[in-house]
């Protein structure tokens, strides 16, 4: 069973770095990742810094959404779930 591109990029830092450096080679080397033609074109059309920004941005967003699902939204101090409640 093939793993979706972004799932692999989030879960595998070696693949993520390879995807940033050379998307086509990274996809060819792993073989078990599915990516749409549009995803591949988007990555290939970006320069190295653009790819790094896109890939790391997707990873950050996925990690943030997972944290928010587990712990609640960001509090006013920027922490997931906000500051601990005041104890009496």
PDB file of N, CA and C in Angstrom:
ATOM      1  N   UNK A   1       0.852  -1.187   0.000  1.00  0.00           N
ATOM      2  CA  UNK A   1       0.000   0.000   0.000  1.00  0.00           C
ATOM      3  C   UNK A   1       0.893   1.243   0.000  1.00  0.00           C
ATOM      4  N   UNK A   2       0.596   2.163  -0.872  1.00  0.00           N
ATOM      5  CA  UNK A   2       1.396   3.379  -0.999  1.00  0.00           C
ATOM      6  C   UNK A   2       1.001   4.405   0.057  1.00  0.00           C
ATOM      7  N   UNK A   3       1.975   5.163   0.487  1.00  0.00           N
ATOM      8  CA  UNK A   3       1.790   6.188   1.513  1.00  0.00           C
ATOM      9  C   UNK A   3       1.644   7.546   0.815  1.00  0.00           C
ATOM     10  N   UNK A   4       0.678   8.358   1.216  1.00  0.00           N
ATOM     11  CA  UNK A   4       0.542   9.687   0.617  1.00  0.00           C
ATOM     12  C   UNK A   4       1.800  10.542   0.862  1.00  0.00           C
ATOM     13  N   UNK A   5       2.104  11.377  -0.106  1.00  0.00           N
ATOM     14  CA  UNK A   5       3.303  12.219  -0.084  1.00  0.00           C
ATOM     15  C   UNK A   5       3.481  12.958   1.238  1.00  0.00           C
ATOM     16  N   UNK A   6       2.450  13.687   1.669  1.00  0.00           N
ATOM     17  CA  UNK A   6       2.616  14.535   2.853  1.00  0.00           C
ATOM     18  C   UNK A   6       2.690  13.721   4.133  1.00  0.00           C
ATOM     19  N   UNK A   7       2.035  12.555   4.161  1.00  0.00           N
ATOM     20  CA  UNK A   7       2.148  11.678   5.331  1.00  0.00           C
ATOM     21  C   UNK A   7       3.595  11.231   5.501  1.00  0.00           C
ATOM     22  N   UNK A   8       4.212  10.820   4.409  1.00  0.00           N
ATOM     23  CA  UNK A   8       5.610  10.380   4.464  1.00  0.00           C
ATOM     24  C   UNK A   8       6.537  11.535   4.809  1.00  0.00           C
ATOM     25  N   UNK A   9       6.270  12.711   4.231  1.00  0.00           N
ATOM     26  CA  UNK A   9       7.133  13.874   4.491  1.00  0.00           C
ATOM     27  C   UNK A   9       7.099  14.272   5.967  1.00  0.00           C
ATOM     28  N   UNK A  10       5.943  14.163   6.599  1.00  0.00           N
ATOM     29  CA  UNK A  10       5.833  14.513   8.020  1.00  0.00           C
ATOM     30  C   UNK A  10       6.499  13.450   8.885  1.00  0.00           C
ATOM     31  N   UNK A  11       6.300  12.189   8.550  1.00  0.00           N
ATOM     32  CA  UNK A  11       6.755  11.091   9.404  1.00  0.00           C
ATOM     33  C   UNK A  11       8.228  10.724   9.224  1.00  0.00           C
ATOM     34  N   UNK A  12       8.819  11.070   8.087  1.00  0.00           N
ATOM     35  CA  UNK A  12      10.169  10.595   7.766  1.00  0.00           C
ATOM     36  C   UNK A  12      11.084  11.778   7.442  1.00  0.00           C
ATOM     37  N   UNK A  13      11.884  12.234   8.411  1.00  0.00           N
ATOM     38  CA  UNK A  13      12.736  13.405   8.178  1.00  0.00           C
ATOM     39  C   UNK A  13      13.785  13.195   7.085  1.00  0.00           C
ATOM     40  N   UNK A  14      14.234  11.970   6.873  1.00  0.00           N
ATOM     41  CA  UNK A  14      15.197  11.703   5.796  1.00  0.00           C
ATOM     42  C   UNK A  14      14.522  11.918   4.449  1.00  0.00           C
ATOM     43  N   UNK A  15      13.304  11.389   4.291  1.00  0.00           N
ATOM     44  CA  UNK A  15      12.550  11.603   3.054  1.00  0.00           C
ATOM     45  C   UNK A  15      12.236  13.083   2.872  1.00  0.00           C
ATOM     46  N   UNK A  16      11.845  13.742   3.953  1.00  0.00           N
ATOM     47  CA  UNK A  16      11.512  15.176   3.886  1.00  0.00           C
ATOM     48  C   UNK A  16      12.693  15.978   3.357  1.00  0.00           C
ATOM     49  N   UNK A  17      13.887  15.730   3.877  1.00  0.00           N
ATOM     50  CA  UNK A  17      15.078  16.442   3.406  1.00  0.00           C
ATOM     51  C   UNK A  17      15.375  16.120   1.945  1.00  0.00           C
ATOM     52  N   UNK A  18      15.211  14.854   1.567  1.00  0.00           N
ATOM     53  CA  UNK A  18      15.447  14.461   0.175  1.00  0.00           C
ATOM     54  C   UNK A  18      14.420  15.117  -0.751  1.00  0.00           C
ATOM     55  N   UNK A  19      13.179  15.220  -0.286  1.00  0.00           N
ATOM     56  CA  UNK A  19      12.120  15.848  -1.077  1.00  0.00           C
ATOM     57  C   UNK A  19      12.437  17.318  -1.334  1.00  0.00           C
ATOM     58  N   UNK A  20      12.982  17.967  -0.347  1.00  0.00           N
ATOM     59  CA  UNK A  20      13.367  19.369  -0.501  1.00  0.00           C
ATOM     60  C   UNK A  20      14.532  19.494  -1.493  1.00  0.00           C
ATOM     61  N   UNK A  21      15.525  18.628  -1.359  1.00  0.00           N
ATOM     62  CA  UNK A  21      16.719  18.704  -2.216  1.00  0.00           C
ATOM     63  C   UNK A  21      16.431  18.349  -3.668  1.00  0.00           C
ATOM     64  N   UNK A  22      15.703  17.246  -3.896  1.00  0.00           N
ATOM     65  CA  UNK A  22      15.455  16.769  -5.263  1.00  0.00           C
ATOM     66  C   UNK A  22      14.189  15.918  -5.265  1.00  0.00           C
ATOM     67  N   UNK A  23      13.028  16.537  -5.522  1.00  0.00           N
ATOM     68  CA  UNK A  23      11.753  15.827  -5.405  1.00  0.00           C
ATOM     69  C   UNK A  23      11.655  14.561  -6.259  1.00  0.00           C
ATOM     70  N   UNK A  24      12.068  14.624  -7.503  1.00  0.00           N
ATOM     71  CA  UNK A  24      11.931  13.451  -8.367  1.00  0.00           C
ATOM     72  C   UNK A  24      12.795  12.297  -7.882  1.00  0.00           C
ATOM     73  N   UNK A  25      14.009  12.582  -7.488  1.00  0.00           N
ATOM     74  CA  UNK A  25      14.891  11.523  -6.986  1.00  0.00           C
ATOM     75  C   UNK A  25      14.330  10.944  -5.681  1.00  0.00           C
ATOM     76  N   UNK A  26      13.836  11.803  -4.793  1.00  0.00           N
ATOM     77  CA  UNK A  26      13.277  11.327  -3.521  1.00  0.00           C
ATOM     78  C   UNK A  26      12.110  10.381  -3.774  1.00  0.00           C
ATOM     79  N   UNK A  27      11.226  10.747  -4.689  1.00  0.00           N
ATOM     80  CA  UNK A  27      10.077   9.902  -4.997  1.00  0.00           C
ATOM     81  C   UNK A  27      10.507   8.594  -5.656  1.00  0.00           C
ATOM     82  N   UNK A  28      11.489   8.660  -6.536  1.00  0.00           N
ATOM     83  CA  UNK A  28      11.973   7.446  -7.195  1.00  0.00           C
ATOM     84  C   UNK A  28      12.670   6.520  -6.220  1.00  0.00           C
ATOM     85  N   UNK A  29      13.397   7.079  -5.267  1.00  0.00           N
ATOM     86  CA  UNK A  29      14.161   6.262  -4.323  1.00  0.00           C
ATOM     87  C   UNK A  29      13.277   5.505  -3.334  1.00  0.00           C
ATOM     88  N   UNK A  30      12.144   6.083  -2.926  1.00  0.00           N
ATOM     89  CA  UNK A  30      11.311   5.398  -1.934  1.00  0.00           C
ATOM     90  C   UNK A  30      10.325   4.442  -2.579  1.00  0.00           C
ATOM     91  N   UNK A  31       9.753   4.830  -3.698  1.00  0.00           N
ATOM     92  CA  UNK A  31       8.883   3.938  -4.439  1.00  0.00           C
ATOM     93  C   UNK A  31       7.505   3.668  -3.857  1.00  0.00           C
ATOM     94  N   UNK A  32       7.317   3.798  -2.555  1.00  0.00           N
ATOM     95  CA  UNK A  32       6.027   3.478  -1.948  1.00  0.00           C
ATOM     96  C   UNK A  32       5.208   4.712  -1.583  1.00  0.00           C
ATOM     97  N   UNK A  33       5.488   5.829  -2.229  1.00  0.00           N
ATOM     98  CA  UNK A  33       4.793   7.085  -1.952  1.00  0.00           C
ATOM     99  C   UNK A  33       3.946   7.469  -3.161  1.00  0.00           C
ATOM    100  N   UNK A  34       2.719   7.887  -2.902  1.00  0.00           N
ATOM    101  CA  UNK A  34       1.870   8.382  -3.985  1.00  0.00           C
ATOM    102  C   UNK A  34       1.867   9.903  -3.955  1.00  0.00           C
ATOM    103  N   UNK A  35       1.987  10.479  -5.117  1.00  0.00           N
ATOM    104  CA  UNK A  35       1.922  11.939  -5.272  1.00  0.00           C
ATOM    105  C   UNK A  35       1.201  12.226  -6.580  1.00  0.00           C
ATOM    106  N   UNK A  36       0.328  13.203  -6.550  1.00  0.00           N
ATOM    107  CA  UNK A  36      -0.384  13.573  -7.775  1.00  0.00           C
ATOM    108  C   UNK A  36       0.573  14.302  -8.712  1.00  0.00           C
ATOM    109  N   UNK A  37       0.275  14.294  -9.993  1.00  0.00           N
ATOM    110  CA  UNK A  37       1.108  15.062 -10.930  1.00  0.00           C
ATOM    111  C   UNK A  37       1.192  16.544 -10.543  1.00  0.00           C
ATOM    112  N   UNK A  38       0.098  17.075  -9.986  1.00  0.00           N
ATOM    113  CA  UNK A  38       0.090  18.473  -9.575  1.00  0.00           C
ATOM    114  C   UNK A  38       1.055  18.721  -8.412  1.00  0.00           C
ATOM    115  N   UNK A  39       1.114  17.777  -7.461  1.00  0.00           N
ATOM    116  CA  UNK A  39       2.047  17.921  -6.349  1.00  0.00           C
ATOM    117  C   UNK A  39       3.494  17.896  -6.839  1.00  0.00           C
ATOM    118  N   UNK A  40       3.781  16.974  -7.735  1.00  0.00           N
ATOM    119  CA  UNK A  40       5.143  16.863  -8.266  1.00  0.00           C
ATOM    120  C   UNK A  40       5.510  18.122  -9.037  1.00  0.00           C
ATOM    121  N   UNK A  41       4.611  18.601  -9.870  1.00  0.00           N
ATOM    122  CA  UNK A  41       4.870  19.820 -10.647  1.00  0.00           C
ATOM    123  C   UNK A  41       5.075  21.008  -9.716  1.00  0.00           C
ATOM    124  N   UNK A  42       4.255  21.120  -8.689  1.00  0.00           N
ATOM    125  CA  UNK A  42       4.391  22.225  -7.743  1.00  0.00           C
ATOM    126  C   UNK A  42       5.775  22.208  -7.099  1.00  0.00           C
ATOM    127  N   UNK A  43       6.224  21.048  -6.650  1.00  0.00           N
ATOM    128  CA  UNK A  43       7.541  20.946  -6.016  1.00  0.00           C
ATOM    129  C   UNK A  43       8.669  21.221  -7.009  1.00  0.00           C
ATOM    130  N   UNK A  44       8.547  20.688  -8.213  1.00  0.00           N
ATOM    131  CA  UNK A  44       9.591  20.857  -9.214  1.00  0.00           C
ATOM    132  C   UNK A  44       9.705  22.307  -9.695  1.00  0.00           C
ATOM    133  N   UNK A  45       8.591  23.028  -9.699  1.00  0.00           N
ATOM    134  CA  UNK A  45       8.595  24.411 -10.189  1.00  0.00           C
ATOM    135  C   UNK A  45       9.210  25.391  -9.194  1.00  0.00           C
ATOM    136  N   UNK A  46       9.385  24.962  -7.946  1.00  0.00           N
ATOM    137  CA  UNK A  46       9.960  25.842  -6.925  1.00  0.00           C
ATOM    138  C   UNK A  46      11.478  25.689  -6.869  1.00  0.00           C
ATOM    139  N   UNK A  47      12.153  26.762  -6.466  1.00  0.00           N
ATOM    140  CA  UNK A  47      13.595  26.638  -6.212  1.00  0.00           C
ATOM    141  C   UNK A  47      13.777  25.982  -4.844  1.00  0.00           C
ATOM    142  N   UNK A  48      15.010  25.732  -4.470  1.00  0.00           N
ATOM    143  CA  UNK A  48      15.308  25.018  -3.233  1.00  0.00           C
ATOM    144  C   UNK A  48      14.664  25.675  -2.013  1.00  0.00           C
ATOM    145  N   UNK A  49      14.819  26.983  -1.883  1.00  0.00           N
ATOM    146  CA  UNK A  49      14.237  27.680  -0.727  1.00  0.00           C
ATOM    147  C   UNK A  49      12.714  27.649  -0.760  1.00  0.00           C
ATOM    148  N   UNK A  50      12.140  27.755  -1.945  1.00  0.00           N
ATOM    149  CA  UNK A  50      10.685  27.672  -2.072  1.00  0.00           C
ATOM    150  C   UNK A  50      10.164  26.306  -1.664  1.00  0.00           C
ATOM    151  N   UNK A  51      10.878  25.244  -2.092  1.00  0.00           N
ATOM    152  CA  UNK A  51      10.487  23.891  -1.687  1.00  0.00           C
ATOM    153  C   UNK A  51      10.624  23.718  -0.180  1.00  0.00           C
ATOM    154  N   UNK A  52      11.718  24.216   0.383  1.00  0.00           N
ATOM    155  CA  UNK A  52      11.918  24.096   1.838  1.00  0.00           C
ATOM    156  C   UNK A  52      10.763  24.790   2.578  1.00  0.00           C
ATOM    157  N   UNK A  53      10.413  25.973   2.134  1.00  0.00           N
ATOM    158  CA  UNK A  53       9.329  26.727   2.767  1.00  0.00           C
ATOM    159  C   UNK A  53       8.004  25.977   2.663  1.00  0.00           C
ATOM    160  N   UNK A  54       7.714  25.426   1.487  1.00  0.00           N
ATOM    161  CA  UNK A  54       6.462  24.697   1.286  1.00  0.00           C
ATOM    162  C   UNK A  54       6.424  23.429   2.138  1.00  0.00           C
ATOM    163  N   UNK A  55       7.451  22.599   2.038  1.00  0.00           N
ATOM    164  CA  UNK A  55       7.461  21.324   2.748  1.00  0.00           C
ATOM    165  C   UNK A  55       7.438  21.535   4.258  1.00  0.00           C
ATOM    166  N   UNK A  56       8.273  22.418   4.755  1.00  0.00           N
ATOM    167  CA  UNK A  56       8.308  22.653   6.205  1.00  0.00           C
ATOM    168  C   UNK A  56       7.016  23.309   6.682  1.00  0.00           C
ATOM    169  N   UNK A  57       6.418  24.165   5.859  1.00  0.00           N
ATOM    170  CA  UNK A  57       5.137  24.775   6.212  1.00  0.00           C
ATOM    171  C   UNK A  57       4.031  23.744   6.336  1.00  0.00           C
ATOM    172  N   UNK A  58       3.979  22.797   5.401  1.00  0.00           N
ATOM    173  CA  UNK A  58       2.983  21.729   5.474  1.00  0.00           C
ATOM    174  C   UNK A  58       3.211  20.898   6.736  1.00  0.00           C
ATOM    175  N   UNK A  59       4.457  20.555   7.009  1.00  0.00           N
ATOM    176  CA  UNK A  59       4.770  19.753   8.211  1.00  0.00           C
ATOM    177  C   UNK A  59       4.382  20.487   9.488  1.00  0.00           C
ATOM    178  N   UNK A  60       4.705  21.776   9.561  1.00  0.00           N
ATOM    179  CA  UNK A  60       4.333  22.562  10.748  1.00  0.00           C
ATOM    180  C   UNK A  60       2.821  22.593  10.936  1.00  0.00           C
ATOM    181  N   UNK A  61       2.100  22.811   9.836  1.00  0.00           N
ATOM    182  CA  UNK A  61       0.644  22.900   9.917  1.00  0.00           C
ATOM    183  C   UNK A  61       0.041  21.574  10.379  1.00  0.00           C
ATOM    184  N   UNK A  62       0.550  20.472   9.865  1.00  0.00           N
ATOM    185  CA  UNK A  62       0.033  19.167  10.267  1.00  0.00           C
ATOM    186  C   UNK A  62       0.330  18.900  11.738  1.00  0.00           C
ATOM    187  N   UNK A  63       1.540  19.207  12.188  1.00  0.00           N
ATOM    188  CA  UNK A  63       1.870  19.023  13.601  1.00  0.00           C
ATOM    189  C   UNK A  63       1.000  19.927  14.485  1.00  0.00           C
ATOM    190  N   UNK A  64       0.776  21.149  14.061  1.00  0.00           N
ATOM    191  CA  UNK A  64      -0.040  22.086  14.834  1.00  0.00           C
ATOM    192  C   UNK A  64      -1.479  21.588  14.937  1.00  0.00           C
ATOM    193  N   UNK A  65      -2.037  21.121  13.828  1.00  0.00           N
ATOM    194  CA  UNK A  65      -3.416  20.625  13.863  1.00  0.00           C
ATOM    195  C   UNK A  65      -3.535  19.388  14.747  1.00  0.00           C
ATOM    196  N   UNK A  66      -2.520  18.519  14.708  1.00  0.00           N
ATOM    197  CA  UNK A  66      -2.536  17.348  15.591  1.00  0.00           C
ATOM    198  C   UNK A  66      -2.483  17.749  17.053  1.00  0.00           C
ATOM    199  N   UNK A  67      -1.636  18.717  17.356  1.00  0.00           N
ATOM    200  CA  UNK A  67      -1.548  19.202  18.730  1.00  0.00           C
ATOM    201  C   UNK A  67      -2.831  19.853  19.191  1.00  0.00           C
ATOM    202  N   UNK A  68      -3.434  20.626  18.317  1.00  0.00           N
ATOM    203  CA  UNK A  68      -4.688  21.284  18.674  1.00  0.00           C
ATOM    204  C   UNK A  68      -5.803  20.269  18.872  1.00  0.00           C
ATOM    205  N   UNK A  69      -5.803  19.202  18.074  1.00  0.00           N
ATOM    206  CA  UNK A  69      -6.827  18.172  18.231  1.00  0.00           C
ATOM    207  C   UNK A  69      -6.675  17.460  19.572  1.00  0.00           C
ATOM    208  N   UNK A  70      -5.438  17.287  20.014  1.00  0.00           N
ATOM    209  CA  UNK A  70      -5.194  16.589  21.285  1.00  0.00           C
ATOM    210  C   UNK A  70      -5.322  17.498  22.495  1.00  0.00           C
ATOM    211  N   UNK A  71      -4.843  18.732  22.379  1.00  0.00           N
ATOM    212  CA  UNK A  71      -4.709  19.581  23.562  1.00  0.00           C
ATOM    213  C   UNK A  71      -5.540  20.845  23.546  1.00  0.00           C
ATOM    214  N   UNK A  72      -6.252  21.128  22.479  1.00  0.00           N
ATOM    215  CA  UNK A  72      -7.037  22.346  22.381  1.00  0.00           C
ATOM    216  C   UNK A  72      -6.293  23.415  21.594  1.00  0.00           C
ATOM    217  N   UNK A  73      -6.955  24.510  21.386  1.00  0.00           N
ATOM    218  CA  UNK A  73      -6.376  25.581  20.574  1.00  0.00           C
ATOM    219  C   UNK A  73      -5.270  26.311  21.332  1.00  0.00           C
ATOM    220  N   UNK A  74      -4.591  27.189  20.619  1.00  0.00           N
ATOM    221  CA  UNK A  74      -3.534  27.983  21.231  1.00  0.00           C
ATOM    222  C   UNK A  74      -4.120  28.956  22.240  1.00  0.00           C
ATOM    223  N   UNK A  75      -3.470  29.045  23.356  1.00  0.00           N
ATOM    224  CA  UNK A  75      -3.887  29.999  24.369  1.00  0.00           C
ATOM    225  C   UNK A  75      -3.295  31.370  24.086  1.00  0.00           C
ATOM    226  N   UNK A  76      -3.665  32.379  24.872  1.00  0.00           N
ATOM    227  CA  UNK A  76      -3.166  33.735  24.646  1.00  0.00           C
ATOM    228  C   UNK A  76      -1.649  33.852  24.794  1.00  0.00           C
ATOM    229  N   UNK A  77      -1.041  32.894  25.486  1.00  0.00           N
ATOM    230  CA  UNK A  77       0.419  32.941  25.645  1.00  0.00           C
ATOM    231  C   UNK A  77       1.141  32.157  24.553  1.00  0.00           C
ATOM    232  N   UNK A  78       0.394  31.594  23.589  1.00  0.00           N
ATOM    233  CA  UNK A  78       0.997  30.883  22.474  1.00  0.00           C
ATOM    234  C   UNK A  78       1.198  29.404  22.691  1.00  0.00           C
ATOM    235  N   UNK A  79       0.848  28.902  23.857  1.00  0.00           N
ATOM    236  CA  UNK A  79       0.997  27.470  24.123  1.00  0.00           C
ATOM    237  C   UNK A  79      -0.296  26.737  23.775  1.00  0.00           C
ATOM    238  N   UNK A  80      -0.137  25.485  23.329  1.00  0.00           N
ATOM    239  CA  UNK A  80      -1.311  24.660  23.098  1.00  0.00           C
ATOM    240  C   UNK A  80      -2.055  24.492  24.409  1.00  0.00           C
ATOM    241  N   UNK A  81      -3.347  24.731  24.371  1.00  0.00           N
ATOM    242  CA  UNK A  81      -4.161  24.607  25.563  1.00  0.00           C
ATOM    243  C   UNK A  81      -4.089  25.818  26.480  1.00  0.00           C
ATOM    244  N   UNK A  82      -3.170  26.728  26.214  1.00  0.00           N
ATOM    245  CA  UNK A  82      -3.037  27.928  27.036  1.00  0.00           C
ATOM    246  C   UNK A  82      -2.290  27.648  28.316  1.00  0.00           C
ATOM    247  N   UNK A  83      -2.173  28.656  29.160  1.00  0.00           N
ATOM    248  CA  UNK A  83      -1.443  28.488  30.424  1.00  0.00           C
ATOM    249  C   UNK A  83      -2.192  27.553  31.366  1.00  0.00           C
ATOM    250  N   UNK A  84      -1.494  26.926  32.275  1.00  0.00           N
ATOM    251  CA  UNK A  84      -2.193  26.079  33.243  1.00  0.00           C
ATOM    252  C   UNK A  84      -3.130  26.935  34.086  1.00  0.00           C
ATOM    253  N   UNK A  85      -4.232  26.333  34.544  1.00  0.00           N
ATOM    254  CA  UNK A  85      -5.178  27.122  35.353  1.00  0.00           C
ATOM    255  C   UNK A  85      -4.511  27.520  36.674  1.00  0.00           C
ATOM    256  N   UNK A  86      -4.938  28.663  37.169  1.00  0.00           N
ATOM    257  CA  UNK A  86      -4.437  29.114  38.472  1.00  0.00           C
ATOM    258  C   UNK A  86      -4.916  28.165  39.555  1.00  0.00           C
ATOM    259  N   UNK A  87      -4.018  27.774  40.395  1.00  0.00           N
ATOM    260  CA  UNK A  87      -4.395  26.895  41.493  1.00  0.00           C
ATOM    261  C   UNK A  87      -4.747  27.755  42.716  1.00  0.00           C
ATOM    262  N   UNK A  88      -5.768  27.325  43.469  1.00  0.00           N
ATOM    263  CA  UNK A  88      -6.153  28.131  44.641  1.00  0.00           C
ATOM    264  C   UNK A  88      -5.131  28.075  45.747  1.00  0.00           C
TER     265      UNK A  88
END
